[in-house]
C-alpha atoms as a PDB file:
ATOM      1  CA  MET A   1      30.570 -38.007  58.291  1.00  0.00           C
ATOM      2  CA  LYS A   2      32.963 -39.239  60.911  1.00  0.00           C
ATOM      3  CA  ILE A   3      33.541 -42.764  61.465  1.00  0.00           C
ATOM      4  CA  GLU A   4      35.301 -43.536  64.621  1.00  0.00           C
ATOM      5  CA  LEU A   5      37.344 -46.725  64.752  1.00  0.00           C
ATOM      6  CA  LEU A   6      38.442 -48.225  67.955  1.00  0.00           C
ATOM      7  CA  SER A   7      41.371 -50.680  68.588  1.00  0.00           C
ATOM      8  CA  GLU A   8      40.889 -54.245  70.227  1.00  0.00           C
ATOM      9  CA  LYS A   9      42.226 -52.652  73.405  1.00  0.00           C
ATOM     10  CA  GLN A  10      39.742 -49.694  73.179  1.00  0.00           C
ATOM     11  CA  ALA A  11      36.800 -51.812  72.398  1.00  0.00           C
ATOM     12  CA  ALA A  12      37.755 -54.196  75.245  1.00  0.00           C
ATOM     13  CA  ARG A  13      37.761 -51.359  77.450  1.00  0.00           C
ATOM     14  CA  VAL A  14      34.380 -49.925  76.473  1.00  0.00           C
ATOM     15  CA  LEU A  15      33.119 -53.531  77.145  1.00  0.00           C
ATOM     16  CA  SER A  16      35.043 -54.038  80.328  1.00  0.00           C
ATOM     17  CA  ILE A  17      36.529 -57.316  79.084  1.00  0.00           C
ATOM     18  CA  HIS A  18      40.031 -58.585  78.426  1.00  0.00           C
ATOM     19  CA  PRO A  19      41.040 -58.252  74.815  1.00  0.00           C
ATOM     20  CA  GLY A  20      41.638 -61.825  74.517  1.00  0.00           C
ATOM     21  CA  THR A  21      38.015 -62.316  74.871  1.00  0.00           C
ATOM     22  CA  LEU A  22      37.587 -60.425  71.874  1.00  0.00           C
ATOM     23  CA  ARG A  23      39.984 -62.503  69.989  1.00  0.00           C
ATOM     24  CA  LEU A  24      38.086 -65.737  71.184  1.00  0.00           C
ATOM     25  CA  TRP A  25      34.869 -64.408  69.948  1.00  0.00           C
ATOM     26  CA  ARG A  26      36.453 -63.488  66.660  1.00  0.00           C
ATOM     27  CA  ARG A  27      37.829 -67.033  66.177  1.00  0.00           C
ATOM     28  CA  ASN A  28      34.209 -68.458  67.154  1.00  0.00           C
ATOM     29  CA  GLY A  29      32.456 -66.030  64.831  1.00  0.00           C
ATOM     30  CA  GLU A  30      30.815 -64.349  67.878  1.00  0.00           C
ATOM     31  CA  GLY A  31      30.859 -60.939  69.479  1.00  0.00           C
ATOM     32  CA  PRO A  32      30.637 -57.504  67.815  1.00  0.00           C
ATOM     33  CA  PRO A  33      31.247 -56.992  64.112  1.00  0.00           C
ATOM     34  CA  TRP A  34      34.917 -56.046  63.371  1.00  0.00           C
ATOM     35  CA  ILE A  35      37.063 -55.010  60.460  1.00  0.00           C
ATOM     36  CA  ASP A  36      40.542 -56.088  59.281  1.00  0.00           C
ATOM     37  CA  LEU A  37      42.180 -53.178  57.842  1.00  0.00           C
ATOM     38  CA  ALA A  38      45.084 -55.275  56.472  1.00  0.00           C
ATOM     39  CA  PRO A  39      43.692 -58.706  55.271  1.00  0.00           C
ATOM     40  CA  HIS A  40      46.734 -59.401  53.267  1.00  0.00           C
ATOM     41  CA  ARG A  41      49.031 -59.541  56.362  1.00  0.00           C
ATOM     42  CA  LYS A  42      49.644 -62.443  58.566  1.00  0.00           C
ATOM     43  CA  ARG A  43      48.358 -60.499  61.709  1.00  0.00           C
ATOM     44  CA  PRO A  44      44.896 -58.877  61.194  1.00  0.00           C
ATOM     45  CA  VAL A  45      44.757 -55.098  62.023  1.00  0.00           C
ATOM     46  CA  VAL A  46      41.545 -55.332  63.780  1.00  0.00           C
ATOM     47  CA  ARG A  47      39.293 -52.247  64.460  1.00  0.00           C
ATOM     48  CA  TYR A  48      35.685 -51.811  65.646  1.00  0.00           C
ATOM     49  CA  ARG A  49      33.391 -49.263  64.443  1.00  0.00           C
ATOM     50  CA  ALA A  50      32.246 -47.307  67.537  1.00  0.00           C
ATOM     51  CA  ASP A  51      28.521 -47.230  66.100  1.00  0.00           C
ATOM     52  CA  GLU A  52      28.577 -50.771  65.301  1.00  0.00           C
ATOM     53  CA  LEU A  53      29.901 -51.747  68.835  1.00  0.00           C
ATOM     54  CA  GLN A  54      27.240 -49.654  70.409  1.00  0.00           C
ATOM     55  CA  ARG A  55      24.501 -51.289  68.315  1.00  0.00           C
ATOM     56  CA  TRP A  56      25.994 -54.820  69.324  1.00  0.00           C
ATOM     57  CA  ILE A  57      25.758 -53.618  73.097  1.00  0.00           C
ATOM     58  CA  ASP A  58      22.402 -52.306  72.500  1.00  0.00           C
ATOM     59  CA  SER A  59      21.302 -55.727  71.020  1.00  0.00           C
ATOM     60  CA  ARG A  60      22.581 -57.468  74.279  1.00  0.00           C
ATOM     61  CA  GLU A  61      20.240 -55.443  76.432  1.00  0.00           C
ATOM     62  CA  GLY A  62      17.614 -57.544  78.483  1.00  0.00           C
ATOM     63  CA  ARG A  63      19.224 -60.825  77.671  1.00  0.00           C
ATOM     64  CA  ASP A  64      19.003 -63.547  80.498  1.00  0.00           C
ATOM     65  CA  GLY A  65      22.248 -65.221  79.537  1.00  0.00           C
ATOM     66  CA  ASN A  66      20.739 -67.916  77.686  1.00  0.00           C
ATOM     67  CA  GLY A  67      21.709 -66.807  74.226  1.00  0.00           C
END
């Protein structure tokens, strides 16, 4: 089984958004699921699983913008 992990920049590119938007979403408990590969460090090493990112994108399909 191959697990593809995307960096914050790569995930932002997939979503066509600024990486800062992903940081804001993480702080607010929003956005796609993410993983911190180094929880013991001051700065997280954030990665997004490609399959989870795709599921999150698919879950947004057809929304009217009202949540």
